[in-house]
Protein backbone atom coordinates (compact mmCIF):
# COMPACT_ATOMS: atom_id res chain seq x y z
CA MET A 1 -8.71 14.70 -17.90
CA PRO A 2 -5.56 14.43 -19.52
CA SER A 3 -5.01 11.75 -22.22
CA ILE A 4 -2.60 9.15 -21.17
CA ASP A 5 -2.09 5.95 -23.57
CA ILE A 6 -1.39 2.68 -21.89
CA LEU A 7 2.22 2.26 -21.50
CA LYS A 8 3.84 -0.50 -23.49
CA VAL A 9 6.80 -2.66 -23.22
CA LYS A 10 9.72 -1.97 -25.95
CA GLY A 11 12.82 -4.33 -25.45
CA THR A 12 13.78 -3.96 -21.66
CA ASP A 13 11.95 -0.54 -21.35
CA ILE A 14 8.64 0.41 -20.32
CA VAL A 15 7.73 3.38 -22.86
CA ASP A 16 5.03 5.91 -23.02
CA LYS A 17 2.94 6.66 -26.60
CA ASN A 18 6.08 8.85 -27.94
CA GLY A 19 8.61 5.85 -27.21
CA ASN A 20 10.07 7.57 -24.19
CA ALA A 21 11.14 5.65 -21.09
CA VAL A 22 9.10 6.17 -18.01
CA TYR A 23 9.30 5.10 -14.08
CA PRO A 24 6.81 3.38 -13.64
CA GLY A 25 -3.53 -7.19 11.18
CA ARG A 26 -5.67 -7.66 7.88
CA GLU A 27 -8.03 -5.08 6.53
CA TYR A 28 -11.16 -7.27 6.70
CA GLN A 29 -10.92 -7.95 10.39
CA ILE A 30 -10.23 -4.23 10.97
CA ARG A 31 -13.26 -3.21 9.22
CA ASP A 32 -15.39 -6.15 10.71
CA THR A 33 -14.42 -5.25 14.41
CA LEU A 34 -14.96 -1.55 13.71
CA THR A 35 -18.29 -2.06 12.64
CA LYS A 36 -19.30 -4.26 15.49
CA THR A 37 -17.91 -1.37 17.87
CA ILE A 38 -19.66 1.85 16.50
CA GLY A 39 -21.95 0.30 14.08
CA PRO A 40 -22.23 0.28 10.22
CA GLU A 41 -22.98 3.85 9.63
CA LYS A 42 -20.02 5.50 11.78
CA ALA A 43 -17.71 2.78 10.32
CA ASN A 44 -18.53 3.02 6.63
CA PHE A 45 -18.41 6.60 6.97
CA TYR A 46 -14.73 6.55 8.83
CA PHE A 47 -13.17 4.27 6.17
CA ASP A 48 -14.94 6.06 3.39
CA LYS A 49 -12.99 9.35 4.77
CA PHE A 50 -10.04 7.62 5.32
CA LEU A 51 -9.96 6.45 1.49
CA GLU A 52 -11.02 9.73 0.15
CA TYR A 53 -8.46 11.83 2.19
CA PHE A 54 -5.42 9.46 1.89
CA PHE A 55 -4.73 10.20 -1.63
CA ARG A 56 -6.43 13.28 -3.29
CA VAL A 57 -5.79 15.52 -6.08
CA THR A 58 -3.63 17.58 -3.81
CA ASP A 59 -1.33 14.72 -3.58
CA ALA A 60 -1.08 14.38 -7.22
CA LYS A 61 -0.10 18.10 -7.74
CA PHE A 62 2.34 17.33 -5.18
CA TYR A 63 3.93 14.59 -6.74
CA LYS A 64 3.70 15.96 -10.28
CA ASN A 65 5.25 19.45 -9.06
CA LEU A 66 8.48 17.20 -7.83
CA GLY A 67 8.67 16.04 -11.51
CA LEU A 68 8.05 12.38 -10.85
CA ASN A 69 6.04 10.80 -13.29
CA CYS A 70 4.28 7.52 -12.17
CA ILE A 71 1.66 6.46 -9.22
CA THR A 72 1.07 3.12 -8.42
CA ILE A 73 -2.66 2.95 -6.66
CA PRO A 74 -2.91 -0.16 -4.67
CA PHE A 75 -6.27 -1.86 -3.90
CA ASN A 76 -8.04 -4.53 -2.19
CA SER A 77 -10.26 -6.63 -4.16
CA ARG A 78 -12.62 -6.71 -1.25
CA HIS A 79 -13.28 -3.02 -2.09
CA PHE A 80 -15.22 -4.01 -4.99
CA GLU A 81 -16.68 -7.78 -4.44
CA ASP A 82 -16.24 -10.44 -1.46
CA ASP A 83 -16.92 -13.90 -0.47
CA MET A 84 -20.36 -13.61 0.62
CA ASN A 85 -21.39 -12.13 -2.73
CA PRO A 86 -18.86 -13.33 -5.13
CA ARG A 87 -18.98 -11.84 -8.47
CA VAL A 88 -21.64 -8.72 -7.70
CA LEU A 89 -19.80 -5.78 -8.13
CA LYS A 90 -20.06 -3.00 -4.96
CA PRO A 91 -20.79 0.06 -7.64
CA GLU A 92 -20.34 2.66 -5.07
CA ASP A 93 -16.88 1.67 -4.79
CA PHE A 94 -15.86 2.97 -8.20
CA ILE A 95 -14.10 6.40 -7.83
CA TRP A 96 -12.04 8.40 -10.23
CA LEU A 97 -8.10 8.52 -9.05
CA ALA A 98 -6.77 11.50 -10.37
CA GLY A 99 -3.17 11.07 -11.74
CA GLU A 100 -2.76 14.88 -12.66
CA GLY A 101 -0.99 14.22 -15.88
CA THR A 102 1.37 11.35 -14.42
CA CYS A 103 1.14 7.70 -15.33
CA THR A 104 -1.20 5.87 -13.00
CA ILE A 105 -1.00 2.40 -12.43
CA LEU A 106 -3.77 0.31 -10.89
CA ASP A 107 -2.44 -2.44 -8.59
CA MET A 108 -4.68 -5.27 -7.37
CA HIS A 109 -2.76 -5.71 -3.98
CA THR A 110 -5.40 -8.45 -2.58
CA VAL A 111 -7.14 -10.97 -4.59
CA PRO A 112 -9.95 -13.59 -3.02
CA GLY A 113 -8.20 -16.30 -1.07
CA GLY A 114 -4.88 -14.26 -0.84
CA GLN A 115 -2.00 -14.72 -3.44
CA ASN A 116 0.55 -15.03 -0.76
CA ALA A 117 0.97 -15.84 3.04
CA ASP A 118 1.74 -12.43 4.26
CA TRP A 119 -0.76 -9.91 6.32
CA HIS A 120 -0.98 -7.46 3.29
CA SER A 121 -2.75 -10.26 1.24
CA ASP A 122 -5.87 -9.76 3.86
CA SER A 123 -6.01 -13.16 4.53
CA ALA A 124 -6.81 -14.69 7.83
CA HIS A 125 -3.93 -17.32 7.73
CA HIS A 126 -0.80 -18.01 6.27
CA VAL A 127 -1.79 -20.05 3.34
CA ALA A 128 -1.83 -18.56 -0.26
CA GLU A 129 -5.16 -20.49 -1.44
CA PHE A 130 -5.56 -18.42 -4.20
CA CYS A 131 -3.08 -20.12 -5.80
CA THR A 132 -4.79 -23.73 -5.36
CA HIS A 133 -8.36 -22.49 -5.61
CA LYS A 134 -9.58 -22.29 -9.22
CA ASP A 135 -12.58 -20.20 -7.95
CA PHE A 136 -10.51 -17.84 -6.54
CA GLN A 137 -8.33 -17.25 -9.57
CA GLY A 138 -11.53 -17.12 -11.62
CA ARG A 139 -13.00 -14.28 -9.40
CA ALA A 140 -9.99 -12.33 -9.66
CA ILE A 141 -10.21 -12.47 -13.36
CA TRP A 142 -13.57 -11.54 -13.54
CA LEU A 143 -13.16 -8.60 -11.48
CA TRP A 144 -10.22 -7.34 -13.85
CA GLU A 145 -12.68 -7.57 -16.50
CA GLN A 146 -15.13 -5.77 -14.39
CA LEU A 147 -12.43 -3.01 -14.01
CA ALA A 148 -10.84 -2.77 -17.11
CA THR A 149 -14.47 -2.08 -18.75
CA HIS A 150 -15.23 0.59 -16.18
CA TYR A 151 -12.10 2.29 -16.51
CA LYS A 152 -11.23 1.81 -20.36
CA SER A 153 -12.08 5.54 -21.08
CA ASN A 154 -9.89 7.00 -18.02
CA PRO A 155 -6.14 7.91 -18.37
CA PHE A 156 -4.45 4.84 -16.71
CA ALA A 157 -1.16 3.96 -17.92
CA GLY A 158 -1.61 0.31 -16.90
CA TYR A 159 -2.63 -2.52 -14.44
CA ASN A 160 -0.62 -4.61 -12.04
CA THR A 161 -2.59 -7.82 -12.13
CA LEU A 162 -1.37 -9.26 -8.82
CA ASN A 163 0.82 -8.14 -6.29
CA GLU A 164 3.67 -10.33 -4.99
CA PRO A 165 2.37 -13.79 -5.78
CA CYS A 166 3.46 -16.83 -3.73
CA ASP A 167 2.90 -20.09 -4.79
CA PRO A 168 3.49 -22.99 -2.63
CA ILE A 169 3.72 -25.61 -4.84
CA HIS A 170 5.69 -23.76 -7.48
CA SER A 171 3.50 -24.68 -10.22
CA SER A 172 0.49 -22.29 -10.67
CA LEU A 173 2.61 -19.42 -11.65
CA GLN A 174 4.17 -19.37 -15.13
CA GLN A 175 8.09 -18.83 -14.75
CA CYS A 176 9.23 -15.54 -15.99
CA LYS A 177 11.07 -14.99 -19.25
CA ASN A 178 14.30 -13.36 -19.87
CA ASN A 179 14.54 -9.98 -21.62
CA LEU A 180 11.60 -8.66 -19.90
CA PRO A 181 11.46 -5.20 -18.37
CA ILE A 182 12.53 -4.88 -14.79
CA TRP A 183 10.35 -2.43 -12.54
CA ASN A 184 11.01 -2.55 -8.86
CA ARG A 185 7.38 -1.43 -7.99
CA GLU A 186 7.55 -1.63 -4.40
CA PHE A 187 10.41 -0.56 -2.12
CA GLY A 188 11.28 1.85 0.87
CA HIS A 189 12.95 2.15 4.13
CA VAL A 190 11.41 2.27 7.41
CA TYR A 191 11.89 5.88 9.00
CA THR A 192 12.00 6.64 12.31
CA ARG A 193 10.20 9.55 14.63
CA GLU A 194 11.28 10.73 18.06
CA MET A 195 8.25 9.93 19.87
CA PHE A 196 8.36 6.21 19.35
CA ASP A 197 12.15 5.25 18.57
CA GLY A 198 13.97 8.21 20.86
CA PRO A 199 17.38 9.40 20.63
CA GLY A 200 19.33 9.01 17.49
CA TRP A 201 16.40 8.82 15.16
CA GLU A 202 17.46 11.47 13.22
CA GLU A 203 20.85 9.77 12.40
CA THR A 204 18.79 6.62 11.61
CA ASN A 205 16.72 8.55 9.00
CA LYS A 206 19.96 10.14 7.46
CA SER A 207 21.72 6.41 7.20
CA CYS A 208 18.34 5.53 5.32
CA ILE A 209 18.50 8.38 2.85
CA LEU A 210 22.17 7.81 2.05
CA LEU A 211 21.58 4.00 1.54
CA LEU A 212 18.53 4.97 -0.84
CA ARG A 213 20.70 7.62 -2.84
CA ASP A 214 23.16 4.48 -3.27
CA GLN A 215 20.39 2.17 -4.26
CA LEU A 216 19.06 4.63 -6.67
CA GLU A 217 22.43 5.23 -8.27
CA VAL A 218 22.44 1.51 -9.16
CA TYR A 219 19.39 1.80 -10.62
CA ASP A 220 20.11 4.78 -12.44
CA GLN A 221 23.38 3.03 -14.09
CA GLN A 222 21.24 -0.39 -15.03
CA ARG A 223 17.99 1.78 -16.17
CA ILE A 224 15.78 0.25 -13.91
CA PRO A 225 12.68 2.05 -13.50
CA TRP A 226 11.32 2.50 -9.80
CA SER A 227 8.48 3.43 -7.49
CA THR A 228 8.77 3.89 -3.55
CA TRP A 229 6.51 4.75 -0.70
CA LEU A 230 6.50 7.25 2.15
CA TYR A 231 6.42 10.87 0.85
CA LYS A 232 4.28 12.10 3.84
CA ASN A 233 4.46 11.10 7.50
CA ILE A 234 1.00 10.98 9.51
CA GLU A 235 0.65 13.37 12.66
CA THR A 236 -2.03 15.69 14.05
CA GLN A 237 -5.27 13.83 15.28
CA TYR A 238 -4.79 10.19 14.55
CA ILE A 239 -1.31 10.37 16.32
CA LYS A 240 -3.10 12.07 19.51
CA LEU A 241 -5.64 9.73 19.55
CA PHE A 242 -3.57 6.34 19.02
CA LYS A 243 -0.12 7.33 20.70
CA LYS A 244 -0.32 5.19 23.56
CA PHE A 245 -1.75 2.33 21.66
CA LEU A 246 1.10 2.54 18.47
CA LEU A 247 3.67 2.62 21.53
CA LYS A 248 2.30 -0.63 22.78
CA LYS A 249 2.44 -2.11 19.54
CA LEU A 250 5.86 -0.91 19.10
CA ARG A 251 6.95 -2.65 22.44
CA LEU A 252 5.38 -5.89 21.16
CA ALA A 253 6.75 -5.70 17.81
CA ILE A 254 3.40 -6.57 16.36
CA ASP A 255 3.92 -4.95 12.87
CA ALA A 256 5.55 -6.83 10.35
CA TRP A 257 7.39 -3.43 9.47
CA GLU A 258 8.96 -1.02 11.67
CA ALA A 259 9.01 -3.70 14.61
CA ASP A 260 11.89 -3.71 17.08
CA SER A 261 11.96 -7.37 18.64
CA THR A 262 14.55 -6.15 21.28
CA ALA A 263 12.34 -6.43 24.13
CA ILE A 264 10.54 -9.73 23.31
CA GLY A 265 12.71 -11.70 20.81
CA HIS A 266 13.70 -14.02 23.41
CA ILE A 267 9.96 -15.18 23.93
CA TYR A 268 9.61 -16.54 20.34
CA THR A 269 11.13 -19.32 18.44
CA PRO A 270 11.77 -18.54 15.03
CA LEU A 271 8.31 -20.54 13.94
CA GLU A 272 6.36 -18.68 16.46
CA TYR A 273 7.70 -15.18 15.86
CA ARG A 274 6.63 -15.18 12.32
CA LEU A 275 3.04 -16.72 13.30
CA ALA A 276 2.38 -15.62 16.76
CA ARG A 277 3.56 -11.90 16.45
CA ASN A 278 2.43 -10.81 13.23
CA MET A 279 -0.87 -13.01 13.05
CA LEU A 280 -2.21 -14.37 15.93
CA LEU A 281 -1.22 -11.61 18.67
CA ALA A 282 -1.91 -8.63 16.31
CA GLU A 283 -5.41 -9.89 15.94
CA PHE A 284 -6.01 -9.63 19.79
CA LEU A 285 -5.28 -5.97 19.48
CA ILE A 286 -7.87 -5.08 16.59
CA GLN A 287 -10.82 -4.76 19.30
CA GLU A 288 -8.33 -2.43 21.30
CA TRP A 289 -7.62 -0.34 18.46
CA ALA A 290 -11.68 -0.34 17.65
CA ASP A 291 -12.38 0.73 21.12
CA HIS A 292 -10.80 4.17 20.55
CA PHE A 293 -13.56 5.12 18.33
CA VAL A 294 -16.22 4.85 20.60
CA GLY A 295 -18.24 7.83 21.51
CA LEU A 296 -16.39 10.09 18.65
CA ASP A 297 -19.42 11.80 16.50
CA PHE A 298 -19.14 11.99 12.73
CA GLU A 299 -17.24 15.58 12.93
CA GLN A 300 -14.47 13.63 14.97
CA LEU A 301 -14.36 10.64 12.92
CA ASP A 302 -13.86 12.87 9.96
CA ALA A 303 -11.11 14.79 11.88
CA VAL A 304 -9.23 11.57 12.65
CA ALA A 305 -9.46 10.50 8.85
CA ALA A 306 -8.30 14.11 7.63
CA SER A 307 -4.96 13.19 9.38
CA PHE A 308 -4.08 11.59 6.51
CA LYS A 309 -4.60 14.58 4.13
CA LEU A 310 -1.60 15.74 2.63
CA GLU A 311 -1.71 19.25 4.27
CA HIS A 312 -1.95 17.64 7.64
CA CYS A 313 0.99 15.59 7.11
CA VAL A 314 4.72 15.98 7.59
CA GLN A 315 6.50 15.94 4.28
CA ARG A 316 9.71 13.75 4.29
CA GLU A 317 11.78 16.44 2.60
CA GLU A 318 14.82 14.39 2.44
CA LEU A 319 13.67 11.81 0.60
CA ASN A 320 11.48 13.69 -1.68
CA LYS A 321 14.81 15.60 -2.64
CA THR A 322 16.53 12.13 -3.05
CA LEU A 323 14.02 11.36 -5.25
CA VAL A 324 13.74 14.37 -7.49
CA MET A 325 17.75 13.92 -7.97
CA HIS A 326 17.17 10.54 -9.73
CA LYS A 327 13.88 11.32 -11.62
CA ASP A 328 15.31 12.09 -14.90
CA ALA A 329 17.89 9.15 -15.33
CA ARG A 330 15.71 7.16 -17.87
CA GLN A 331 14.66 10.25 -19.88
């Protein structure tokens, strides 16, 4: 494995060991419902394969060949411990995430209790209980201690200890100080596809790329490191299996991202729009999603999960070209 030192702060820059600046519905409900629908053996097999295929050495090599130098790996704290067994590690979930010579950042995207009110904190409601519950905070610290101990000899460049915290009483989180590095670690456009968005989808994507180029120009001028999403687009077996279901989600504007509320916006008040659409109504579709797996054998489950392999995905070529154009701005 290549040797990569922990990244360090130097003034307002994030630098490597040589002093060079570098660029750095809710999961648990979906897992529970699929387990109840097809049984724990098949459900665990599918999710293990999904994680295995979603980001592999092939992806890391592709990323490195683009000349980009930092990968952020988000993960859920429930992968390593859960509410029914707090502070008990799941050793089977420790894996080596190969960065292939790039800087790799471990990103705890979800903590016990939920650190914000959104779906991506894997909380069943809209209250950030992590911020008001001492034991949730202690469990997050404990888990980071376990992760740091386990991975201390591996070449990870650093850790993002808490993703997007939102303290409802504005007292638990310390205020940021001036003269710290700025890193836009998570941003990206929602790109369209013909099967879901109809005529004009290509022009929409072109506009997104032009806007991204303008944004990266500003980052280049201000020496702001960045990371973004969506270098590949899922196709093949997963889309075939879920096409009608995905179209239904699109019509109902269930997803917080990629949602067009034209057909249903008049039904919701602003309050209902947030709570009912992204939380309550989304929960009722989880069982329908899980029903698509009924009757699939292990080979078929593997084929669905393999849809997320790089070689089975469509590359976002214009996006990747744009990222390459701006990869050397801080070097």
